[in-house]
Amino acid sequence: MYRSVFEPKKLKHKFEVYASIGVREYWIIHDGTRDLLVYSLKNGKYVPTPLFISRNVVESNVIEGLTLDLEGFFGVIE
């Protein structure tokens, strides 16, 4: 698992770098809009899931047992 500061101008570059080293799942959490996008690596390209919002509980497809309750998460960072 890796955490990175979101920089919109560098997103495309990060996708390319992470895909080239085989990062299979990439989560982008937007604290301002209280949502989450999960990108899964498929055939060398990232495919996004539908947008998860504050009331969702998200489960990783890569790390068994990893879940994130977005409502609880965003409540903690307020």
PDB file of N, CA and C in Angstrom:
ATOM      1  N   MET A   1       0.852  -1.161   0.000  1.00  0.00           N
ATOM      2  CA  MET A   1       0.000   0.000   0.000  1.00  0.00           C
ATOM      3  C   MET A   1       0.903   1.231   0.000  1.00  0.00           C
ATOM      4  N   TYR A   2       0.473   2.238  -0.729  1.00  0.00           N
ATOM      5  CA  TYR A   2       1.252   3.465  -0.871  1.00  0.00           C
ATOM      6  C   TYR A   2       0.306   4.645  -0.809  1.00  0.00           C
ATOM      7  N   ARG A   3       0.665   5.689  -0.108  1.00  0.00           N
ATOM      8  CA  ARG A   3      -0.125   6.905  -0.003  1.00  0.00           C
ATOM      9  C   ARG A   3       0.632   8.024  -0.681  1.00  0.00           C
ATOM     10  N   SER A   4      -0.100   8.828  -1.446  1.00  0.00           N
ATOM     11  CA  SER A   4       0.520   9.913  -2.195  1.00  0.00           C
ATOM     12  C   SER A   4      -0.386  11.134  -2.142  1.00  0.00           C
ATOM     13  N   VAL A   5       0.194  12.306  -2.166  1.00  0.00           N
ATOM     14  CA  VAL A   5      -0.583  13.540  -2.211  1.00  0.00           C
ATOM     15  C   VAL A   5      -1.103  13.718  -3.631  1.00  0.00           C
ATOM     16  N   PHE A   6      -2.392  13.997  -3.749  1.00  0.00           N
ATOM     17  CA  PHE A   6      -3.039  14.147  -5.051  1.00  0.00           C
ATOM     18  C   PHE A   6      -2.657  15.477  -5.692  1.00  0.00           C
ATOM     19  N   GLU A   7      -2.067  15.403  -6.854  1.00  0.00           N
ATOM     20  CA  GLU A   7      -1.721  16.579  -7.640  1.00  0.00           C
ATOM     21  C   GLU A   7      -2.293  16.376  -9.036  1.00  0.00           C
ATOM     22  N   PRO A   8      -3.432  17.048  -9.357  1.00  0.00           N
ATOM     23  CA  PRO A   8      -4.101  16.809 -10.635  1.00  0.00           C
ATOM     24  C   PRO A   8      -3.193  16.896 -11.857  1.00  0.00           C
ATOM     25  N   LYS A   9      -2.236  17.797 -11.848  1.00  0.00           N
ATOM     26  CA  LYS A   9      -1.351  17.954 -13.011  1.00  0.00           C
ATOM     27  C   LYS A   9      -0.447  16.742 -13.224  1.00  0.00           C
ATOM     28  N   LYS A  10      -0.204  15.977 -12.160  1.00  0.00           N
ATOM     29  CA  LYS A  10       0.713  14.837 -12.248  1.00  0.00           C
ATOM     30  C   LYS A  10      -0.018  13.490 -12.316  1.00  0.00           C
ATOM     31  N   LEU A  11      -1.351  13.515 -12.344  1.00  0.00           N
ATOM     32  CA  LEU A  11      -2.111  12.274 -12.286  1.00  0.00           C
ATOM     33  C   LEU A  11      -1.796  11.341 -13.454  1.00  0.00           C
ATOM     34  N   LYS A  12      -1.775  11.828 -14.659  1.00  0.00           N
ATOM     35  CA  LYS A  12      -1.499  10.983 -15.828  1.00  0.00           C
ATOM     36  C   LYS A  12      -0.123  10.332 -15.705  1.00  0.00           C
ATOM     37  N   HIS A  13       0.859  11.120 -15.279  1.00  0.00           N
ATOM     38  CA  HIS A  13       2.209  10.580 -15.109  1.00  0.00           C
ATOM     39  C   HIS A  13       2.221   9.479 -14.044  1.00  0.00           C
ATOM     40  N   LYS A  14       1.526   9.720 -12.919  1.00  0.00           N
ATOM     41  CA  LYS A  14       1.483   8.715 -11.854  1.00  0.00           C
ATOM     42  C   LYS A  14       0.832   7.439 -12.354  1.00  0.00           C
ATOM     43  N   PHE A  15      -0.252   7.565 -13.104  1.00  0.00           N
ATOM     44  CA  PHE A  15      -0.894   6.376 -13.663  1.00  0.00           C
ATOM     45  C   PHE A  15       0.095   5.577 -14.502  1.00  0.00           C
ATOM     46  N   GLU A  16       0.850   6.250 -15.329  1.00  0.00           N
ATOM     47  CA  GLU A  16       1.817   5.566 -16.194  1.00  0.00           C
ATOM     48  C   GLU A  16       2.900   4.875 -15.380  1.00  0.00           C
ATOM     49  N   VAL A  17       3.411   5.563 -14.384  1.00  0.00           N
ATOM     50  CA  VAL A  17       4.472   4.992 -13.538  1.00  0.00           C
ATOM     51  C   VAL A  17       3.927   3.800 -12.753  1.00  0.00           C
ATOM     52  N   TYR A  18       2.792   3.974 -12.099  1.00  0.00           N
ATOM     53  CA  TYR A  18       2.240   2.890 -11.294  1.00  0.00           C
ATOM     54  C   TYR A  18       1.888   1.683 -12.152  1.00  0.00           C
ATOM     55  N   ALA A  19       1.323   1.906 -13.338  1.00  0.00           N
ATOM     56  CA  ALA A  19       0.995   0.791 -14.240  1.00  0.00           C
ATOM     57  C   ALA A  19       2.263   0.069 -14.672  1.00  0.00           C
ATOM     58  N   SER A  20       3.331   0.812 -14.928  1.00  0.00           N
ATOM     59  CA  SER A  20       4.573   0.194 -15.400  1.00  0.00           C
ATOM     60  C   SER A  20       5.227  -0.698 -14.345  1.00  0.00           C
ATOM     61  N   ILE A  21       4.941  -0.436 -13.068  1.00  0.00           N
ATOM     62  CA  ILE A  21       5.512  -1.278 -12.004  1.00  0.00           C
ATOM     63  C   ILE A  21       4.481  -2.270 -11.449  1.00  0.00           C
ATOM     64  N   GLY A  22       3.293  -2.294 -12.059  1.00  0.00           N
ATOM     65  CA  GLY A  22       2.310  -3.308 -11.713  1.00  0.00           C
ATOM     66  C   GLY A  22       1.429  -3.030 -10.513  1.00  0.00           C
ATOM     67  N   VAL A  23       1.244  -1.758 -10.141  1.00  0.00           N
ATOM     68  CA  VAL A  23       0.320  -1.428  -9.050  1.00  0.00           C
ATOM     69  C   VAL A  23      -1.083  -1.792  -9.535  1.00  0.00           C
ATOM     70  N   ARG A  24      -1.698  -2.782  -8.899  1.00  0.00           N
ATOM     71  CA  ARG A  24      -2.953  -3.332  -9.409  1.00  0.00           C
ATOM     72  C   ARG A  24      -4.187  -2.530  -9.033  1.00  0.00           C
ATOM     73  N   GLU A  25      -4.089  -1.722  -7.993  1.00  0.00           N
ATOM     74  CA  GLU A  25      -5.256  -0.947  -7.559  1.00  0.00           C
ATOM     75  C   GLU A  25      -4.771   0.389  -7.017  1.00  0.00           C
ATOM     76  N   TYR A  26      -5.491   1.439  -7.353  1.00  0.00           N
ATOM     77  CA  TYR A  26      -5.083   2.795  -7.019  1.00  0.00           C
ATOM     78  C   TYR A  26      -6.317   3.546  -6.545  1.00  0.00           C
ATOM     79  N   TRP A  27      -6.297   4.049  -5.316  1.00  0.00           N
ATOM     80  CA  TRP A  27      -7.445   4.754  -4.751  1.00  0.00           C
ATOM     81  C   TRP A  27      -7.136   6.251  -4.706  1.00  0.00           C
ATOM     82  N   ILE A  28      -8.095   7.051  -5.129  1.00  0.00           N
ATOM     83  CA  ILE A  28      -7.970   8.507  -5.028  1.00  0.00           C
ATOM     84  C   ILE A  28      -9.116   9.010  -4.155  1.00  0.00           C
ATOM     85  N   ILE A  29      -8.764   9.542  -3.005  1.00  0.00           N
ATOM     86  CA  ILE A  29      -9.735  10.067  -2.051  1.00  0.00           C
ATOM     87  C   ILE A  29      -9.747  11.587  -2.163  1.00  0.00           C
ATOM     88  N   HIS A  30     -10.933  12.138  -2.377  1.00  0.00           N
ATOM     89  CA  HIS A  30     -11.105  13.591  -2.455  1.00  0.00           C
ATOM     90  C   HIS A  30     -11.773  14.049  -1.163  1.00  0.00           C
ATOM     91  N   ASP A  31     -11.012  14.656  -0.258  1.00  0.00           N
ATOM     92  CA  ASP A  31     -11.616  15.065   1.007  1.00  0.00           C
ATOM     93  C   ASP A  31     -12.566  16.244   0.840  1.00  0.00           C
ATOM     94  N   GLY A  32     -12.331  17.106  -0.133  1.00  0.00           N
ATOM     95  CA  GLY A  32     -13.216  18.262  -0.341  1.00  0.00           C
ATOM     96  C   GLY A  32     -14.612  17.872  -0.782  1.00  0.00           C
ATOM     97  N   THR A  33     -14.718  16.853  -1.616  1.00  0.00           N
ATOM     98  CA  THR A  33     -16.024  16.401  -2.110  1.00  0.00           C
ATOM     99  C   THR A  33     -16.487  15.115  -1.430  1.00  0.00           C
ATOM    100  N   ARG A  34     -15.666  14.586  -0.529  1.00  0.00           N
ATOM    101  CA  ARG A  34     -15.985  13.406   0.266  1.00  0.00           C
ATOM    102  C   ARG A  34     -16.357  12.210  -0.597  1.00  0.00           C
ATOM    103  N   ASP A  35     -15.470  11.930  -1.544  1.00  0.00           N
ATOM    104  CA  ASP A  35     -15.701  10.775  -2.395  1.00  0.00           C
ATOM    105  C   ASP A  35     -14.401  10.054  -2.703  1.00  0.00           C
ATOM    106  N   LEU A  36     -14.529   8.920  -3.373  1.00  0.00           N
ATOM    107  CA  LEU A  36     -13.398   8.052  -3.648  1.00  0.00           C
ATOM    108  C   LEU A  36     -13.577   7.403  -5.013  1.00  0.00           C
ATOM    109  N   LEU A  37     -12.515   7.384  -5.781  1.00  0.00           N
ATOM    110  CA  LEU A  37     -12.470   6.627  -7.028  1.00  0.00           C
ATOM    111  C   LEU A  37     -11.419   5.541  -6.872  1.00  0.00           C
ATOM    112  N   VAL A  38     -11.766   4.349  -7.292  1.00  0.00           N
ATOM    113  CA  VAL A  38     -10.818   3.233  -7.278  1.00  0.00           C
ATOM    114  C   VAL A  38     -10.519   2.877  -8.726  1.00  0.00           C
ATOM    115  N   TYR A  39      -9.244   2.804  -9.049  1.00  0.00           N
ATOM    116  CA  TYR A  39      -8.814   2.409 -10.388  1.00  0.00           C
ATOM    117  C   TYR A  39      -8.156   1.044 -10.285  1.00  0.00           C
ATOM    118  N   SER A  40      -8.572   0.142 -11.159  1.00  0.00           N
ATOM    119  CA  SER A  40      -7.996  -1.205 -11.205  1.00  0.00           C
ATOM    120  C   SER A  40      -7.229  -1.377 -12.506  1.00  0.00           C
ATOM    121  N   LEU A  41      -6.057  -1.991 -12.405  1.00  0.00           N
ATOM    122  CA  LEU A  41      -5.217  -2.209 -13.578  1.00  0.00           C
ATOM    123  C   LEU A  41      -5.744  -3.403 -14.376  1.00  0.00           C
ATOM    124  N   LYS A  42      -6.129  -3.145 -15.626  1.00  0.00           N
ATOM    125  CA  LYS A  42      -6.642  -4.183 -16.528  1.00  0.00           C
ATOM    126  C   LYS A  42      -5.927  -4.040 -17.863  1.00  0.00           C
ATOM    127  N   ASN A  43      -5.195  -5.070 -18.253  1.00  0.00           N
ATOM    128  CA  ASN A  43      -4.471  -5.058 -19.531  1.00  0.00           C
ATOM    129  C   ASN A  43      -3.552  -3.837 -19.675  1.00  0.00           C
ATOM    130  N   GLY A  44      -2.879  -3.466 -18.586  1.00  0.00           N
ATOM    131  CA  GLY A  44      -1.914  -2.377 -18.624  1.00  0.00           C
ATOM    132  C   GLY A  44      -2.489  -0.973 -18.520  1.00  0.00           C
ATOM    133  N   LYS A  45      -3.816  -0.847 -18.348  1.00  0.00           N
ATOM    134  CA  LYS A  45      -4.460   0.473 -18.226  1.00  0.00           C
ATOM    135  C   LYS A  45      -5.369   0.476 -17.004  1.00  0.00           C
ATOM    136  N   TYR A  46      -5.518   1.655 -16.403  1.00  0.00           N
ATOM    137  CA  TYR A  46      -6.391   1.770 -15.245  1.00  0.00           C
ATOM    138  C   TYR A  46      -7.834   2.014 -15.671  1.00  0.00           C
ATOM    139  N   VAL A  47      -8.728   1.244 -15.045  1.00  0.00           N
ATOM    140  CA  VAL A  47     -10.158   1.342 -15.299  1.00  0.00           C
ATOM    141  C   VAL A  47     -10.811   1.806 -13.996  1.00  0.00           C
ATOM    142  N   PRO A  48     -11.585   2.915 -14.039  1.00  0.00           N
ATOM    143  CA  PRO A  48     -12.202   3.413 -12.807  1.00  0.00           C
ATOM    144  C   PRO A  48     -13.478   2.655 -12.448  1.00  0.00           C
ATOM    145  N   THR A  49     -13.749   2.612 -11.155  1.00  0.00           N
ATOM    146  CA  THR A  49     -15.031   2.110 -10.656  1.00  0.00           C
ATOM    147  C   THR A  49     -16.024   3.282 -10.687  1.00  0.00           C
ATOM    148  N   PRO A  50     -17.285   2.992 -10.424  1.00  0.00           N
ATOM    149  CA  PRO A  50     -18.203   4.110 -10.169  1.00  0.00           C
ATOM    150  C   PRO A  50     -17.718   4.885  -8.945  1.00  0.00           C
ATOM    151  N   LEU A  51     -18.120   6.117  -8.837  1.00  0.00           N
ATOM    152  CA  LEU A  51     -17.718   6.983  -7.725  1.00  0.00           C
ATOM    153  C   LEU A  51     -18.340   6.484  -6.421  1.00  0.00           C
ATOM    154  N   PHE A  52     -17.513   6.329  -5.398  1.00  0.00           N
ATOM    155  CA  PHE A  52     -17.996   6.000  -4.060  1.00  0.00           C
ATOM    156  C   PHE A  52     -18.161   7.299  -3.287  1.00  0.00           C
ATOM    157  N   ILE A  53     -19.246   7.399  -2.528  1.00  0.00           N
ATOM    158  CA  ILE A  53     -19.499   8.614  -1.749  1.00  0.00           C
ATOM    159  C   ILE A  53     -19.513   8.286  -0.263  1.00  0.00           C
ATOM    160  N   SER A  54     -19.670   9.311   0.553  1.00  0.00           N
ATOM    161  CA  SER A  54     -19.493   9.215   1.995  1.00  0.00           C
ATOM    162  C   SER A  54     -20.220   8.060   2.653  1.00  0.00           C
ATOM    163  N   ARG A  55     -21.391   7.693   2.205  1.00  0.00           N
ATOM    164  CA  ARG A  55     -22.139   6.631   2.895  1.00  0.00           C
ATOM    165  C   ARG A  55     -21.717   5.214   2.486  1.00  0.00           C
ATOM    166  N   ASN A  56     -20.740   5.083   1.591  1.00  0.00           N
ATOM    167  CA  ASN A  56     -20.304   3.769   1.110  1.00  0.00           C
ATOM    168  C   ASN A  56     -19.198   3.178   1.976  1.00  0.00           C
ATOM    169  N   VAL A  57     -19.140   1.847   1.978  1.00  0.00           N
ATOM    170  CA  VAL A  57     -18.017   1.100   2.530  1.00  0.00           C
ATOM    171  C   VAL A  57     -17.349   0.442   1.330  1.00  0.00           C
ATOM    172  N   VAL A  58     -16.063   0.703   1.156  1.00  0.00           N
ATOM    173  CA  VAL A  58     -15.332   0.246  -0.021  1.00  0.00           C
ATOM    174  C   VAL A  58     -14.403  -0.895   0.372  1.00  0.00           C
ATOM    175  N   GLU A  59     -14.363  -1.917  -0.470  1.00  0.00           N
ATOM    176  CA  GLU A  59     -13.511  -3.072  -0.216  1.00  0.00           C
ATOM    177  C   GLU A  59     -12.489  -3.199  -1.337  1.00  0.00           C
ATOM    178  N   SER A  60     -11.247  -3.422  -0.967  1.00  0.00           N
ATOM    179  CA  SER A  60     -10.186  -3.608  -1.944  1.00  0.00           C
ATOM    180  C   SER A  60     -10.362  -4.928  -2.672  1.00  0.00           C
ATOM    181  N   ASN A  61     -10.087  -4.922  -3.965  1.00  0.00           N
ATOM    182  CA  ASN A  61     -10.073  -6.151  -4.743  1.00  0.00           C
ATOM    183  C   ASN A  61      -8.697  -6.807  -4.744  1.00  0.00           C
ATOM    184  N   VAL A  62      -7.719  -6.119  -4.151  1.00  0.00           N
ATOM    185  CA  VAL A  62      -6.336  -6.596  -4.174  1.00  0.00           C
ATOM    186  C   VAL A  62      -5.858  -7.036  -2.792  1.00  0.00           C
ATOM    187  N   ILE A  63      -6.169  -6.275  -1.767  1.00  0.00           N
ATOM    188  CA  ILE A  63      -5.714  -6.577  -0.409  1.00  0.00           C
ATOM    189  C   ILE A  63      -6.882  -7.195   0.360  1.00  0.00           C
ATOM    190  N   GLU A  64      -6.817  -8.485   0.566  1.00  0.00           N
ATOM    191  CA  GLU A  64      -7.900  -9.198   1.234  1.00  0.00           C
ATOM    192  C   GLU A  64      -8.185  -8.609   2.615  1.00  0.00           C
ATOM    193  N   GLY A  65      -9.462  -8.328   2.863  1.00  0.00           N
ATOM    194  CA  GLY A  65      -9.882  -7.818   4.167  1.00  0.00           C
ATOM    195  C   GLY A  65      -9.776  -6.316   4.328  1.00  0.00           C
ATOM    196  N   LEU A  66      -9.205  -5.610   3.363  1.00  0.00           N
ATOM    197  CA  LEU A  66      -9.080  -4.158   3.478  1.00  0.00           C
ATOM    198  C   LEU A  66     -10.399  -3.505   3.068  1.00  0.00           C
ATOM    199  N   THR A  67     -11.016  -2.826   4.020  1.00  0.00           N
ATOM    200  CA  THR A  67     -12.227  -2.058   3.742  1.00  0.00           C
ATOM    201  C   THR A  67     -12.062  -0.655   4.303  1.00  0.00           C
ATOM    202  N   LEU A  68     -12.818   0.269   3.742  1.00  0.00           N
ATOM    203  CA  LEU A  68     -12.794   1.647   4.218  1.00  0.00           C
ATOM    204  C   LEU A  68     -14.219   2.162   4.276  1.00  0.00           C
ATOM    205  N   ASP A  69     -14.672   2.490   5.483  1.00  0.00           N
ATOM    206  CA  ASP A  69     -15.978   3.108   5.693  1.00  0.00           C
ATOM    207  C   ASP A  69     -15.780   4.605   5.471  1.00  0.00           C
ATOM    208  N   LEU A  70     -16.262   5.099   4.346  1.00  0.00           N
ATOM    209  CA  LEU A  70     -15.987   6.496   3.995  1.00  0.00           C
ATOM    210  C   LEU A  70     -16.613   7.484   4.966  1.00  0.00           C
ATOM    211  N   GLU A  71     -17.791   7.188   5.458  1.00  0.00           N
ATOM    212  CA  GLU A  71     -18.425   8.100   6.422  1.00  0.00           C
ATOM    213  C   GLU A  71     -17.577   8.235   7.680  1.00  0.00           C
ATOM    214  N   GLY A  72     -17.100   7.107   8.187  1.00  0.00           N
ATOM    215  CA  GLY A  72     -16.228   7.134   9.352  1.00  0.00           C
ATOM    216  C   GLY A  72     -14.908   7.819   9.055  1.00  0.00           C
ATOM    217  N   PHE A  73     -14.331   7.524   7.881  1.00  0.00           N
ATOM    218  CA  PHE A  73     -13.057   8.131   7.484  1.00  0.00           C
ATOM    219  C   PHE A  73     -13.162   9.643   7.391  1.00  0.00           C
ATOM    220  N   PHE A  74     -14.175  10.135   6.687  1.00  0.00           N
ATOM    221  CA  PHE A  74     -14.297  11.582   6.537  1.00  0.00           C
ATOM    222  C   PHE A  74     -14.659  12.256   7.854  1.00  0.00           C
ATOM    223  N   GLY A  75     -15.362  11.544   8.736  1.00  0.00           N
ATOM    224  CA  GLY A  75     -15.665  12.095  10.059  1.00  0.00           C
ATOM    225  C   GLY A  75     -14.410  12.306  10.882  1.00  0.00           C
ATOM    226  N   VAL A  76     -13.444  11.415  10.742  1.00  0.00           N
ATOM    227  CA  VAL A  76     -12.189  11.501  11.500  1.00  0.00           C
ATOM    228  C   VAL A  76     -11.316  12.654  11.005  1.00  0.00           C
ATOM    229  N   ILE A  77     -11.321  12.938   9.693  1.00  0.00           N
ATOM    230  CA  ILE A  77     -10.410  13.965   9.191  1.00  0.00           C
ATOM    231  C   ILE A  77     -10.979  15.378   9.231  1.00  0.00           C
ATOM    232  N   GLU A  78     -12.215  15.529   9.736  1.00  0.00           N
ATOM    233  CA  GLU A  78     -12.786  16.885   9.828  1.00  0.00           C
ATOM    234  C   GLU A  78     -12.072  17.732  10.848  1.00  0.00           C
TER     235      GLU A  78
END
